[in-house]
Amino acid sequence: MHMPWSVRLRLLAVLAGALAVPPGCGMGEPSPQVYVLGDAGAAEPGAASQMNTPTVEVRPVRVPDYLDTTDIVTRGAGGLVVPSESGRWGERFSIGLTRAVAADLARKLPGLAVTTSARWSEPRWQVAIELESFDVRSAGGSSLAATWTILEGQHRRRLAEERVVLTASGTNRTDAEVVAVMDREVNDLAERIAVSLAPLAGVSPAGGRSTRKDSSRRTTAAMSGHP
C-alpha cells in the first residue's frame, strides 16, 4: 500500500518541527522571576534644577567576585554558594547595589544631589564602599560586612570612615524573602552613611536616624574621622 505524497509531506513537516524544539522547551517550565534592589516608590511629578545643589557621588561599590553576578545566591553549610533556580537579578549585583545605596541616600538627604556618575560637575563629596561579605543563609539569618569612606571631592581627603557589620534574623526560604532582607540591610548601611554625611554637608537627614526595633543588630567594628 502506497502512502499518498500529501500525507508523507505532512508527516515530514511534523517530524521536522519536533526535532527543531530544544530539549526542555514547551514543557511549561516557568521563567525565573527578575528582581532589583531598592524600593521602587512612586516619584512625585515635577521638575527641579540641581545646578546649585551640592553633589554627592556614590562610587561603584566593590563587592566579592562570588556576589558580582546576576544570580541570587545564598550561603549553605561548608561555604557552599547556592544560586537560585527560580529568581535572578535584573542587573549585575555591584551595579544594583550602587544604584540602591544612591537612591536611599537621595531619600534620606533631600538637600543634596546624589548621583552615581558625576560626569558634568565636580562632586563636593564622594562615597566609597567596599563590601567584604553579604551572606544570606538559607537556614536563616543574614550578615553584611562593609567599610565605607566619605571623601572630599576635590582633594580626595578622607572626612569619615567606618566599618560595620549588620545582621538580621528570620527565614530566607524564598527569593522574595532573600531580596527583602538584603533590601533592609542595604537601607541600614545607607542610613549610617547619611548620618555621617549630613553634618559635613550642613543638612538634616529626612526623618532623622531610624530607631525602630526589629530583628537587625547593628555593630560598628571600627570608626575614624578626619576633619
N, C-alpha and C. Protein backbone atom coordinates (compact mmCIF):
# COMPACT_ATOMS: atom_id res chain seq x y z
N MET A 1 0.86 -1.20 0.00
CA MET A 1 0.00 0.00 0.00
C MET A 1 0.89 1.24 0.00
N HIS A 2 0.66 2.12 -0.96
CA HIS A 2 1.48 3.32 -1.07
C HIS A 2 0.79 4.49 -0.37
N MET A 3 1.59 5.22 0.46
CA MET A 3 1.08 6.41 1.16
C MET A 3 1.09 7.60 0.21
N PRO A 4 -0.02 8.34 0.12
CA PRO A 4 -0.07 9.50 -0.76
C PRO A 4 1.02 10.50 -0.41
N TRP A 5 1.53 11.23 -1.43
CA TRP A 5 2.59 12.20 -1.21
C TRP A 5 2.16 13.32 -0.26
N SER A 6 0.92 13.71 -0.31
CA SER A 6 0.46 14.78 0.58
C SER A 6 0.56 14.37 2.04
N VAL A 7 0.23 13.08 2.33
CA VAL A 7 0.33 12.59 3.70
C VAL A 7 1.79 12.51 4.12
N ARG A 8 2.64 12.04 3.19
CA ARG A 8 4.06 11.95 3.51
C ARG A 8 4.65 13.33 3.84
N LEU A 9 4.28 14.33 3.08
CA LEU A 9 4.80 15.67 3.31
C LEU A 9 4.36 16.21 4.67
N ARG A 10 3.09 15.93 5.04
CA ARG A 10 2.61 16.40 6.36
C ARG A 10 3.37 15.71 7.48
N LEU A 11 3.62 14.41 7.35
CA LEU A 11 4.37 13.68 8.37
C LEU A 11 5.79 14.21 8.48
N LEU A 12 6.44 14.50 7.36
CA LEU A 12 7.79 15.04 7.40
C LEU A 12 7.84 16.41 8.06
N ALA A 13 6.80 17.22 7.81
CA ALA A 13 6.75 18.55 8.43
C ALA A 13 6.60 18.46 9.94
N VAL A 14 5.74 17.52 10.40
CA VAL A 14 5.56 17.31 11.84
C VAL A 14 6.85 16.83 12.48
N LEU A 15 7.53 15.89 11.83
CA LEU A 15 8.78 15.36 12.37
C LEU A 15 9.86 16.43 12.43
N ALA A 16 9.95 17.24 11.38
CA ALA A 16 10.96 18.31 11.38
C ALA A 16 10.69 19.32 12.48
N GLY A 17 9.41 19.64 12.72
CA GLY A 17 9.09 20.57 13.79
C GLY A 17 9.43 20.03 15.15
N ALA A 18 9.20 18.74 15.35
CA ALA A 18 9.51 18.12 16.64
C ALA A 18 11.00 18.12 16.90
N LEU A 19 11.79 17.88 15.87
CA LEU A 19 13.24 17.84 16.04
C LEU A 19 13.81 19.23 16.27
N ALA A 20 13.11 20.27 15.81
CA ALA A 20 13.61 21.64 15.95
C ALA A 20 13.40 22.21 17.34
N VAL A 21 12.56 21.61 18.17
CA VAL A 21 12.27 22.13 19.51
C VAL A 21 13.38 21.70 20.45
N PRO A 22 14.10 22.64 21.10
CA PRO A 22 15.17 22.27 22.03
C PRO A 22 14.61 21.49 23.21
N PRO A 23 15.45 20.61 23.80
CA PRO A 23 15.01 19.85 24.97
C PRO A 23 14.59 20.77 26.10
N GLY A 24 13.51 20.47 26.73
CA GLY A 24 13.03 21.24 27.87
C GLY A 24 12.09 22.37 27.50
N CYS A 25 12.07 22.75 26.18
CA CYS A 25 11.18 23.83 25.77
C CYS A 25 9.76 23.30 25.55
N GLY A 26 8.82 24.17 25.80
CA GLY A 26 7.43 23.80 25.58
C GLY A 26 6.91 22.83 26.62
N MET A 27 7.65 22.70 27.74
CA MET A 27 7.24 21.77 28.79
C MET A 27 6.53 22.49 29.93
N GLY A 28 6.27 23.80 29.74
CA GLY A 28 5.56 24.54 30.78
C GLY A 28 6.44 24.98 31.94
N GLU A 29 7.77 25.01 31.75
CA GLU A 29 8.66 25.43 32.81
C GLU A 29 8.56 26.94 32.99
N PRO A 30 8.35 27.44 34.23
CA PRO A 30 8.21 28.88 34.44
C PRO A 30 9.55 29.59 34.27
N SER A 31 9.51 30.82 33.77
CA SER A 31 10.71 31.63 33.63
C SER A 31 11.12 32.16 35.01
N PRO A 32 12.43 32.36 35.24
CA PRO A 32 12.87 32.92 36.52
C PRO A 32 12.28 34.30 36.76
N GLN A 33 11.93 34.59 38.00
CA GLN A 33 11.49 35.93 38.37
C GLN A 33 12.70 36.86 38.42
N VAL A 34 12.52 38.10 38.00
CA VAL A 34 13.62 39.05 37.95
C VAL A 34 13.44 40.11 39.04
N TYR A 35 14.49 40.35 39.84
CA TYR A 35 14.43 41.26 40.97
C TYR A 35 15.51 42.34 40.83
N VAL A 36 15.27 43.49 41.49
CA VAL A 36 16.28 44.53 41.64
C VAL A 36 16.27 44.97 43.09
N LEU A 37 17.40 45.47 43.56
CA LEU A 37 17.49 46.01 44.90
C LEU A 37 16.85 47.38 44.96
N GLY A 38 16.32 47.74 46.12
CA GLY A 38 15.79 49.07 46.31
C GLY A 38 14.28 49.12 46.22
N ASP A 39 13.73 50.15 46.86
CA ASP A 39 12.29 50.35 46.89
C ASP A 39 11.88 51.21 45.70
N ALA A 40 11.05 50.66 44.85
CA ALA A 40 10.59 51.41 43.67
C ALA A 40 9.38 52.25 44.03
N GLY A 41 9.58 53.23 44.92
CA GLY A 41 8.48 54.10 45.31
C GLY A 41 8.09 55.03 44.18
N ALA A 42 6.83 55.42 44.14
CA ALA A 42 6.34 56.30 43.07
C ALA A 42 6.95 57.69 43.22
N ALA A 43 7.51 58.20 42.15
CA ALA A 43 8.11 59.54 42.16
C ALA A 43 7.02 60.59 41.97
N GLU A 44 7.15 61.69 42.72
CA GLU A 44 6.18 62.77 42.58
C GLU A 44 6.49 63.55 41.30
N PRO A 45 5.44 63.91 40.54
CA PRO A 45 5.68 64.67 39.30
C PRO A 45 6.24 66.05 39.60
N GLY A 46 7.03 66.56 38.68
CA GLY A 46 7.60 67.89 38.86
C GLY A 46 9.02 67.92 38.34
N ALA A 47 9.62 69.10 38.37
CA ALA A 47 10.99 69.28 37.91
C ALA A 47 11.67 70.30 38.81
N ALA A 48 12.95 70.05 39.12
CA ALA A 48 13.70 70.96 39.97
C ALA A 48 15.15 70.97 39.50
N SER A 49 15.71 72.16 39.40
CA SER A 49 17.10 72.29 38.99
C SER A 49 18.02 71.93 40.16
N GLN A 50 19.08 71.18 39.85
CA GLN A 50 20.07 70.84 40.87
C GLN A 50 21.43 71.46 40.55
N MET A 51 21.42 72.49 39.71
CA MET A 51 22.68 73.12 39.29
C MET A 51 23.44 73.69 40.48
N ASN A 52 22.76 74.26 41.44
CA ASN A 52 23.42 74.87 42.60
C ASN A 52 23.32 74.02 43.85
N THR A 53 22.92 72.76 43.67
CA THR A 53 22.81 71.84 44.81
C THR A 53 24.11 71.07 44.97
N PRO A 54 24.66 71.01 46.19
CA PRO A 54 25.90 70.24 46.40
C PRO A 54 25.72 68.79 45.96
N THR A 55 26.72 68.28 45.25
CA THR A 55 26.63 66.95 44.66
C THR A 55 27.43 65.93 45.46
N VAL A 56 26.82 64.77 45.63
CA VAL A 56 27.48 63.62 46.26
C VAL A 56 27.54 62.50 45.23
N GLU A 57 28.71 62.00 44.97
CA GLU A 57 28.85 60.89 44.04
C GLU A 57 29.08 59.59 44.80
N VAL A 58 28.25 58.60 44.53
CA VAL A 58 28.45 57.26 45.09
C VAL A 58 29.27 56.47 44.07
N ARG A 59 30.48 56.13 44.46
CA ARG A 59 31.34 55.37 43.56
C ARG A 59 30.80 53.95 43.38
N PRO A 60 31.18 53.29 42.28
CA PRO A 60 30.79 51.88 42.13
C PRO A 60 31.23 51.05 43.33
N VAL A 61 30.30 50.35 43.92
CA VAL A 61 30.60 49.56 45.12
C VAL A 61 31.45 48.36 44.74
N ARG A 62 32.50 48.12 45.50
CA ARG A 62 33.35 46.95 45.28
C ARG A 62 32.76 45.78 46.06
N VAL A 63 32.53 44.68 45.38
CA VAL A 63 31.91 43.51 46.01
C VAL A 63 32.76 42.28 45.73
N PRO A 64 32.63 41.23 46.56
CA PRO A 64 33.34 39.97 46.28
C PRO A 64 32.91 39.38 44.95
N ASP A 65 33.83 38.68 44.30
CA ASP A 65 33.54 38.12 42.98
C ASP A 65 32.34 37.17 42.99
N TYR A 66 32.17 36.41 44.06
CA TYR A 66 31.09 35.42 44.07
C TYR A 66 29.71 36.07 44.11
N LEU A 67 29.67 37.36 44.49
CA LEU A 67 28.40 38.08 44.52
C LEU A 67 28.14 38.88 43.25
N ASP A 68 29.20 39.23 42.53
CA ASP A 68 29.05 40.13 41.39
C ASP A 68 28.58 39.37 40.16
N THR A 69 27.34 38.98 40.20
CA THR A 69 26.71 38.17 39.16
C THR A 69 25.24 38.53 39.10
N THR A 70 24.52 37.98 38.15
CA THR A 70 23.07 38.16 38.12
C THR A 70 22.34 37.06 38.87
N ASP A 71 23.07 36.11 39.43
CA ASP A 71 22.45 35.06 40.24
C ASP A 71 22.10 35.60 41.62
N ILE A 72 20.95 35.22 42.14
CA ILE A 72 20.62 35.47 43.54
C ILE A 72 21.17 34.29 44.33
N VAL A 73 22.15 34.54 45.18
CA VAL A 73 22.83 33.44 45.85
C VAL A 73 22.59 33.48 47.35
N THR A 74 22.54 32.31 47.95
CA THR A 74 22.51 32.16 49.40
C THR A 74 23.70 31.30 49.80
N ARG A 75 23.98 31.30 51.11
CA ARG A 75 25.10 30.51 51.60
C ARG A 75 24.58 29.28 52.33
N GLY A 76 25.18 28.14 51.98
CA GLY A 76 24.85 26.89 52.64
C GLY A 76 25.96 26.47 53.59
N ALA A 77 25.89 25.25 54.07
CA ALA A 77 26.89 24.74 55.00
C ALA A 77 28.22 24.53 54.28
N GLY A 78 29.31 24.67 55.03
CA GLY A 78 30.63 24.41 54.47
C GLY A 78 31.07 25.39 53.42
N GLY A 79 30.58 26.62 53.47
CA GLY A 79 30.98 27.63 52.49
C GLY A 79 30.33 27.49 51.14
N LEU A 80 29.28 26.68 51.05
CA LEU A 80 28.61 26.45 49.77
C LEU A 80 27.84 27.69 49.33
N VAL A 81 28.01 28.07 48.06
CA VAL A 81 27.26 29.18 47.46
C VAL A 81 26.17 28.57 46.58
N VAL A 82 24.92 28.90 46.88
CA VAL A 82 23.79 28.27 46.21
C VAL A 82 23.05 29.29 45.35
N PRO A 83 23.14 29.22 44.02
CA PRO A 83 22.37 30.13 43.17
C PRO A 83 20.90 29.70 43.07
N SER A 84 20.01 30.68 43.05
CA SER A 84 18.59 30.37 42.93
C SER A 84 18.26 29.90 41.52
N GLU A 85 17.36 28.93 41.43
CA GLU A 85 16.88 28.46 40.14
C GLU A 85 15.60 29.16 39.71
N SER A 86 14.96 29.87 40.64
CA SER A 86 13.67 30.48 40.35
C SER A 86 13.70 31.99 40.25
N GLY A 87 14.85 32.61 40.57
CA GLY A 87 14.94 34.06 40.52
C GLY A 87 16.34 34.51 40.17
N ARG A 88 16.45 35.72 39.66
CA ARG A 88 17.76 36.30 39.35
C ARG A 88 17.66 37.82 39.45
N TRP A 89 18.83 38.47 39.51
CA TRP A 89 18.88 39.92 39.50
C TRP A 89 18.70 40.43 38.07
N GLY A 90 18.12 41.60 37.94
CA GLY A 90 17.95 42.20 36.63
C GLY A 90 19.20 42.92 36.14
N GLU A 91 20.24 42.97 36.96
CA GLU A 91 21.50 43.61 36.62
C GLU A 91 22.59 43.00 37.47
N ARG A 92 23.83 43.23 37.09
CA ARG A 92 24.92 42.70 37.90
C ARG A 92 24.82 43.27 39.31
N PHE A 93 25.14 42.46 40.31
CA PHE A 93 24.86 42.84 41.69
C PHE A 93 25.55 44.13 42.09
N SER A 94 26.81 44.34 41.69
CA SER A 94 27.52 45.56 42.07
C SER A 94 26.84 46.80 41.52
N ILE A 95 26.28 46.70 40.32
CA ILE A 95 25.58 47.84 39.71
C ILE A 95 24.29 48.12 40.48
N GLY A 96 23.53 47.07 40.78
CA GLY A 96 22.29 47.25 41.53
C GLY A 96 22.53 47.79 42.94
N LEU A 97 23.61 47.31 43.59
CA LEU A 97 23.91 47.78 44.94
C LEU A 97 24.29 49.25 44.94
N THR A 98 25.11 49.67 43.98
CA THR A 98 25.48 51.09 43.88
C THR A 98 24.24 51.95 43.67
N ARG A 99 23.38 51.53 42.77
CA ARG A 99 22.16 52.30 42.49
C ARG A 99 21.24 52.36 43.72
N ALA A 100 21.11 51.24 44.45
CA ALA A 100 20.23 51.20 45.61
C ALA A 100 20.75 52.10 46.74
N VAL A 101 22.06 52.09 46.98
CA VAL A 101 22.63 52.96 48.02
C VAL A 101 22.41 54.42 47.64
N ALA A 102 22.65 54.77 46.38
CA ALA A 102 22.46 56.15 45.94
C ALA A 102 21.00 56.58 46.10
N ALA A 103 20.07 55.71 45.75
CA ALA A 103 18.65 56.04 45.88
C ALA A 103 18.26 56.23 47.34
N ASP A 104 18.79 55.37 48.23
CA ASP A 104 18.50 55.52 49.66
C ASP A 104 19.06 56.83 50.20
N LEU A 105 20.30 57.18 49.80
CA LEU A 105 20.90 58.42 50.27
C LEU A 105 20.11 59.63 49.75
N ALA A 106 19.63 59.56 48.52
CA ALA A 106 18.85 60.68 47.97
C ALA A 106 17.57 60.90 48.76
N ARG A 107 16.93 59.80 49.19
CA ARG A 107 15.71 59.94 50.00
C ARG A 107 16.03 60.47 51.39
N LYS A 108 17.16 60.05 51.96
CA LYS A 108 17.49 60.45 53.33
C LYS A 108 18.11 61.84 53.40
N LEU A 109 18.70 62.31 52.29
CA LEU A 109 19.36 63.62 52.27
C LEU A 109 18.80 64.44 51.11
N PRO A 110 17.54 64.90 51.21
CA PRO A 110 16.91 65.60 50.08
C PRO A 110 17.58 66.93 49.74
N GLY A 111 18.42 67.46 50.63
CA GLY A 111 19.10 68.72 50.34
C GLY A 111 20.34 68.56 49.48
N LEU A 112 20.66 67.32 49.09
CA LEU A 112 21.85 67.06 48.28
C LEU A 112 21.46 66.40 46.97
N ALA A 113 22.29 66.59 45.96
CA ALA A 113 22.11 65.90 44.69
C ALA A 113 23.00 64.67 44.70
N VAL A 114 22.38 63.50 44.81
CA VAL A 114 23.12 62.24 44.91
C VAL A 114 23.13 61.59 43.54
N THR A 115 24.30 61.20 43.07
CA THR A 115 24.43 60.62 41.75
C THR A 115 25.42 59.47 41.78
N THR A 116 25.35 58.63 40.77
CA THR A 116 26.34 57.57 40.62
C THR A 116 27.33 57.90 39.51
N SER A 117 27.17 59.05 38.91
CA SER A 117 28.06 59.45 37.81
C SER A 117 28.11 60.97 37.75
N ALA A 118 29.19 61.54 38.28
CA ALA A 118 29.34 63.00 38.28
C ALA A 118 30.16 63.43 37.08
N ARG A 119 29.65 63.17 35.89
CA ARG A 119 30.40 63.46 34.67
C ARG A 119 30.36 64.93 34.29
N TRP A 120 29.33 65.65 34.73
CA TRP A 120 29.17 67.03 34.28
C TRP A 120 29.58 68.05 35.34
N SER A 121 29.93 67.60 36.53
CA SER A 121 30.34 68.54 37.56
C SER A 121 31.26 67.84 38.55
N GLU A 122 32.04 68.62 39.25
CA GLU A 122 32.93 68.08 40.28
C GLU A 122 32.11 67.85 41.55
N PRO A 123 32.00 66.60 42.03
CA PRO A 123 31.21 66.37 43.23
C PRO A 123 31.87 67.00 44.46
N ARG A 124 31.04 67.51 45.36
CA ARG A 124 31.57 68.07 46.60
C ARG A 124 32.10 66.96 47.50
N TRP A 125 31.40 65.81 47.48
CA TRP A 125 31.82 64.67 48.28
C TRP A 125 31.68 63.40 47.45
N GLN A 126 32.45 62.39 47.81
CA GLN A 126 32.33 61.07 47.22
C GLN A 126 32.17 60.05 48.34
N VAL A 127 31.39 59.02 48.04
CA VAL A 127 31.18 57.91 48.98
C VAL A 127 31.75 56.65 48.34
N ALA A 128 32.72 56.05 49.00
CA ALA A 128 33.33 54.80 48.52
C ALA A 128 32.96 53.67 49.49
N ILE A 129 32.48 52.58 48.94
CA ILE A 129 32.04 51.44 49.76
C ILE A 129 32.73 50.18 49.28
N GLU A 130 33.27 49.43 50.21
CA GLU A 130 33.84 48.12 49.89
C GLU A 130 33.09 47.07 50.70
N LEU A 131 32.41 46.21 50.00
CA LEU A 131 31.62 45.16 50.64
C LEU A 131 32.52 43.93 50.86
N GLU A 132 32.72 43.57 52.10
CA GLU A 132 33.55 42.41 52.41
C GLU A 132 32.75 41.11 52.23
N SER A 133 31.51 41.13 52.69
CA SER A 133 30.65 39.96 52.56
C SER A 133 29.20 40.40 52.69
N PHE A 134 28.32 39.62 52.08
CA PHE A 134 26.88 39.85 52.19
C PHE A 134 26.24 38.46 52.06
N ASP A 135 26.11 37.79 53.19
CA ASP A 135 25.72 36.39 53.19
C ASP A 135 24.32 36.22 53.77
N VAL A 136 23.44 35.72 52.93
CA VAL A 136 22.08 35.35 53.35
C VAL A 136 22.05 33.84 53.41
N ARG A 137 21.77 33.30 54.59
CA ARG A 137 21.83 31.85 54.77
C ARG A 137 20.44 31.25 54.60
N SER A 138 20.40 30.20 53.81
CA SER A 138 19.12 29.55 53.53
C SER A 138 18.50 28.98 54.79
N ALA A 139 19.34 28.63 55.77
CA ALA A 139 18.82 28.11 57.03
C ALA A 139 18.28 29.21 57.94
N GLY A 140 18.52 30.47 57.59
CA GLY A 140 18.02 31.58 58.38
C GLY A 140 19.13 32.52 58.80
N GLY A 141 18.83 33.81 58.82
CA GLY A 141 19.80 34.82 59.22
C GLY A 141 20.61 35.35 58.06
N SER A 142 21.17 36.53 58.25
CA SER A 142 22.00 37.14 57.23
C SER A 142 22.98 38.10 57.88
N SER A 143 24.05 38.43 57.16
CA SER A 143 25.03 39.38 57.67
C SER A 143 25.66 40.14 56.52
N LEU A 144 25.96 41.41 56.78
CA LEU A 144 26.62 42.28 55.81
C LEU A 144 27.81 42.90 56.52
N ALA A 145 28.98 42.82 55.93
CA ALA A 145 30.18 43.47 56.45
C ALA A 145 30.73 44.39 55.37
N ALA A 146 30.94 45.65 55.73
CA ALA A 146 31.39 46.62 54.74
C ALA A 146 32.16 47.74 55.40
N THR A 147 33.01 48.37 54.62
CA THR A 147 33.71 49.58 55.03
C THR A 147 33.33 50.70 54.08
N TRP A 148 32.93 51.84 54.62
CA TRP A 148 32.59 52.97 53.76
C TRP A 148 33.42 54.18 54.17
N THR A 149 33.71 55.02 53.17
CA THR A 149 34.53 56.21 53.37
C THR A 149 33.87 57.39 52.67
N ILE A 150 33.85 58.54 53.36
CA ILE A 150 33.39 59.79 52.75
C ILE A 150 34.63 60.61 52.43
N LEU A 151 34.75 61.01 51.16
CA LEU A 151 35.92 61.75 50.69
C LEU A 151 35.52 63.15 50.24
N GLU A 152 36.39 64.11 50.47
CA GLU A 152 36.20 65.43 49.91
C GLU A 152 36.43 65.32 48.41
N GLY A 153 35.52 65.85 47.61
CA GLY A 153 35.56 65.61 46.19
C GLY A 153 36.79 66.12 45.48
N GLN A 154 37.22 67.35 45.80
CA GLN A 154 38.31 67.98 45.04
C GLN A 154 39.67 67.41 45.42
N HIS A 155 39.93 67.28 46.73
CA HIS A 155 41.26 66.87 47.18
C HIS A 155 41.30 65.40 47.61
N ARG A 156 40.17 64.70 47.54
CA ARG A 156 40.08 63.28 47.90
C ARG A 156 40.54 63.04 49.35
N ARG A 157 40.33 64.02 50.21
CA ARG A 157 40.70 63.89 51.61
C ARG A 157 39.62 63.11 52.36
N ARG A 158 40.05 62.16 53.18
CA ARG A 158 39.09 61.38 53.95
C ARG A 158 38.47 62.23 55.05
N LEU A 159 37.15 62.25 55.07
CA LEU A 159 36.42 63.02 56.09
C LEU A 159 35.80 62.12 57.14
N ALA A 160 35.43 60.91 56.78
CA ALA A 160 34.84 59.96 57.73
C ALA A 160 35.02 58.56 57.17
N GLU A 161 35.10 57.62 58.07
CA GLU A 161 35.26 56.22 57.66
C GLU A 161 34.71 55.32 58.76
N GLU A 162 34.08 54.24 58.34
CA GLU A 162 33.50 53.32 59.32
C GLU A 162 33.42 51.92 58.74
N ARG A 163 33.68 50.94 59.57
CA ARG A 163 33.45 49.55 59.19
C ARG A 163 32.28 49.04 60.02
N VAL A 164 31.30 48.45 59.36
CA VAL A 164 30.11 47.98 60.06
C VAL A 164 29.84 46.53 59.72
N VAL A 165 29.22 45.86 60.70
CA VAL A 165 28.70 44.51 60.49
C VAL A 165 27.23 44.55 60.87
N LEU A 166 26.37 44.30 59.92
CA LEU A 166 24.92 44.32 60.14
C LEU A 166 24.39 42.91 60.04
N THR A 167 23.55 42.53 61.00
CA THR A 167 22.99 41.19 60.98
C THR A 167 21.48 41.25 61.12
N ALA A 168 20.82 40.24 60.63
CA ALA A 168 19.36 40.13 60.75
C ALA A 168 18.99 38.67 60.87
N SER A 169 17.95 38.40 61.61
CA SER A 169 17.44 37.04 61.76
C SER A 169 16.20 36.88 60.89
N GLY A 170 15.69 35.68 60.83
CA GLY A 170 14.49 35.42 60.03
C GLY A 170 14.74 34.35 58.99
N THR A 171 13.67 33.88 58.40
CA THR A 171 13.76 32.82 57.39
C THR A 171 14.04 33.41 56.02
N ASN A 172 14.75 32.65 55.21
CA ASN A 172 15.09 33.09 53.85
C ASN A 172 14.85 31.93 52.88
N ARG A 173 13.62 31.43 52.88
CA ARG A 173 13.32 30.25 52.08
C ARG A 173 12.97 30.59 50.64
N THR A 174 12.48 31.78 50.39
CA THR A 174 12.06 32.15 49.03
C THR A 174 12.93 33.28 48.50
N ASP A 175 12.91 33.47 47.18
CA ASP A 175 13.65 34.57 46.58
C ASP A 175 13.17 35.91 47.14
N ALA A 176 11.87 36.06 47.29
CA ALA A 176 11.32 37.32 47.79
C ALA A 176 11.83 37.62 49.20
N GLU A 177 11.95 36.60 50.05
CA GLU A 177 12.48 36.80 51.40
C GLU A 177 13.95 37.18 51.36
N VAL A 178 14.71 36.55 50.48
CA VAL A 178 16.13 36.88 50.35
C VAL A 178 16.30 38.33 49.90
N VAL A 179 15.56 38.74 48.88
CA VAL A 179 15.65 40.11 48.38
C VAL A 179 15.22 41.10 49.45
N ALA A 180 14.18 40.78 50.21
CA ALA A 180 13.67 41.70 51.23
C ALA A 180 14.70 41.94 52.33
N VAL A 181 15.35 40.88 52.80
CA VAL A 181 16.33 41.07 53.88
C VAL A 181 17.56 41.82 53.36
N MET A 182 17.93 41.60 52.10
CA MET A 182 19.05 42.34 51.53
C MET A 182 18.70 43.82 51.38
N ASP A 183 17.46 44.11 50.97
CA ASP A 183 17.00 45.50 50.89
C ASP A 183 17.11 46.19 52.25
N ARG A 184 16.68 45.50 53.30
CA ARG A 184 16.71 46.11 54.64
C ARG A 184 18.13 46.42 55.07
N GLU A 185 19.05 45.52 54.81
CA GLU A 185 20.42 45.74 55.27
C GLU A 185 21.12 46.80 54.43
N VAL A 186 20.81 46.88 53.14
CA VAL A 186 21.36 47.96 52.31
C VAL A 186 20.83 49.30 52.80
N ASN A 187 19.56 49.36 53.16
CA ASN A 187 18.96 50.58 53.69
C ASN A 187 19.64 50.98 55.00
N ASP A 188 19.92 50.00 55.87
CA ASP A 188 20.61 50.30 57.13
C ASP A 188 22.02 50.83 56.88
N LEU A 189 22.71 50.27 55.89
CA LEU A 189 24.04 50.76 55.54
C LEU A 189 23.97 52.21 55.05
N ALA A 190 23.01 52.50 54.16
CA ALA A 190 22.85 53.86 53.66
C ALA A 190 22.48 54.83 54.78
N GLU A 191 21.72 54.35 55.75
CA GLU A 191 21.33 55.19 56.88
C GLU A 191 22.54 55.64 57.68
N ARG A 192 23.47 54.74 57.91
CA ARG A 192 24.69 55.08 58.65
C ARG A 192 25.52 56.11 57.88
N ILE A 193 25.62 55.91 56.57
CA ILE A 193 26.38 56.85 55.76
C ILE A 193 25.72 58.23 55.80
N ALA A 194 24.40 58.26 55.70
CA ALA A 194 23.67 59.54 55.70
C ALA A 194 23.87 60.29 57.01
N VAL A 195 23.88 59.59 58.12
CA VAL A 195 24.04 60.24 59.42
C VAL A 195 25.41 60.90 59.54
N SER A 196 26.44 60.28 58.95
CA SER A 196 27.78 60.88 58.99
C SER A 196 27.94 61.98 57.94
N LEU A 197 27.28 61.84 56.80
CA LEU A 197 27.42 62.82 55.72
C LEU A 197 26.63 64.09 56.00
N ALA A 198 25.50 63.98 56.69
CA ALA A 198 24.63 65.14 56.90
C ALA A 198 25.33 66.31 57.58
N PRO A 199 26.06 66.12 58.72
CA PRO A 199 26.72 67.28 59.34
C PRO A 199 27.85 67.84 58.48
N LEU A 200 28.52 67.01 57.70
CA LEU A 200 29.57 67.51 56.82
C LEU A 200 28.99 68.42 55.74
N ALA A 201 27.77 68.08 55.28
CA ALA A 201 27.11 68.86 54.23
C ALA A 201 26.24 69.98 54.79
N GLY A 202 26.07 70.01 56.11
CA GLY A 202 25.24 71.03 56.71
C GLY A 202 23.76 70.86 56.43
N VAL A 203 23.31 69.60 56.31
CA VAL A 203 21.89 69.32 56.08
C VAL A 203 21.40 68.37 57.15
N SER A 204 20.08 68.23 57.22
CA SER A 204 19.47 67.31 58.19
C SER A 204 18.91 66.11 57.46
N PRO A 205 19.16 64.88 57.96
CA PRO A 205 18.58 63.69 57.33
C PRO A 205 17.06 63.73 57.41
N ALA A 206 16.40 63.31 56.35
CA ALA A 206 14.94 63.27 56.34
C ALA A 206 14.46 62.27 57.38
N GLY A 207 13.72 62.75 58.36
CA GLY A 207 13.18 61.87 59.38
C GLY A 207 14.15 61.51 60.48
N GLY A 208 15.42 61.89 60.34
CA GLY A 208 16.39 61.54 61.36
C GLY A 208 16.75 60.08 61.31
N ARG A 209 17.67 59.67 62.16
CA ARG A 209 18.11 58.29 62.18
C ARG A 209 17.03 57.36 62.72
N SER A 210 16.86 56.23 62.09
CA SER A 210 15.82 55.29 62.48
C SER A 210 16.11 54.72 63.86
N THR A 211 15.07 54.61 64.67
CA THR A 211 15.22 53.98 65.98
C THR A 211 14.28 52.81 66.12
N ARG A 212 13.81 52.27 64.99
CA ARG A 212 12.83 51.19 65.07
C ARG A 212 13.47 49.95 65.69
N LYS A 213 12.67 49.17 66.36
CA LYS A 213 13.13 47.94 66.96
C LYS A 213 12.70 46.78 66.07
N ASP A 214 13.70 46.07 65.58
CA ASP A 214 13.38 44.94 64.71
C ASP A 214 14.42 43.86 64.96
N SER A 215 14.53 42.94 63.98
CA SER A 215 15.40 41.80 64.18
C SER A 215 16.85 42.10 63.83
N SER A 216 17.15 43.34 63.40
CA SER A 216 18.51 43.66 62.99
C SER A 216 19.36 44.06 64.19
N ARG A 217 20.62 43.61 64.18
CA ARG A 217 21.58 44.07 65.16
C ARG A 217 22.68 44.78 64.41
N ARG A 218 22.93 46.03 64.75
CA ARG A 218 23.91 46.83 64.03
C ARG A 218 25.16 46.95 64.87
N THR A 219 26.31 46.61 64.33
CA THR A 219 27.54 46.62 65.07
C THR A 219 28.58 47.45 64.34
N THR A 220 29.18 48.39 65.02
CA THR A 220 30.28 49.16 64.46
C THR A 220 31.58 48.52 64.90
N ALA A 221 32.32 48.01 63.94
CA ALA A 221 33.57 47.33 64.27
C ALA A 221 34.72 48.31 64.44
N ALA A 222 34.74 49.36 63.65
CA ALA A 222 35.81 50.35 63.75
C ALA A 222 35.33 51.65 63.13
N MET A 223 35.78 52.78 63.68
CA MET A 223 35.34 54.06 63.13
C MET A 223 36.43 55.09 63.35
N SER A 224 36.64 55.93 62.35
CA SER A 224 37.60 57.01 62.47
C SER A 224 37.11 58.17 61.65
N GLY A 225 37.40 59.37 62.11
CA GLY A 225 37.04 60.57 61.35
C GLY A 225 38.26 61.45 61.17
N HIS A 226 38.30 62.17 60.06
CA HIS A 226 39.43 63.05 59.77
C HIS A 226 38.90 64.40 59.36
N PRO A 227 38.95 65.39 60.29
CA PRO A 227 38.39 66.70 59.96
C PRO A 227 39.20 67.36 58.86
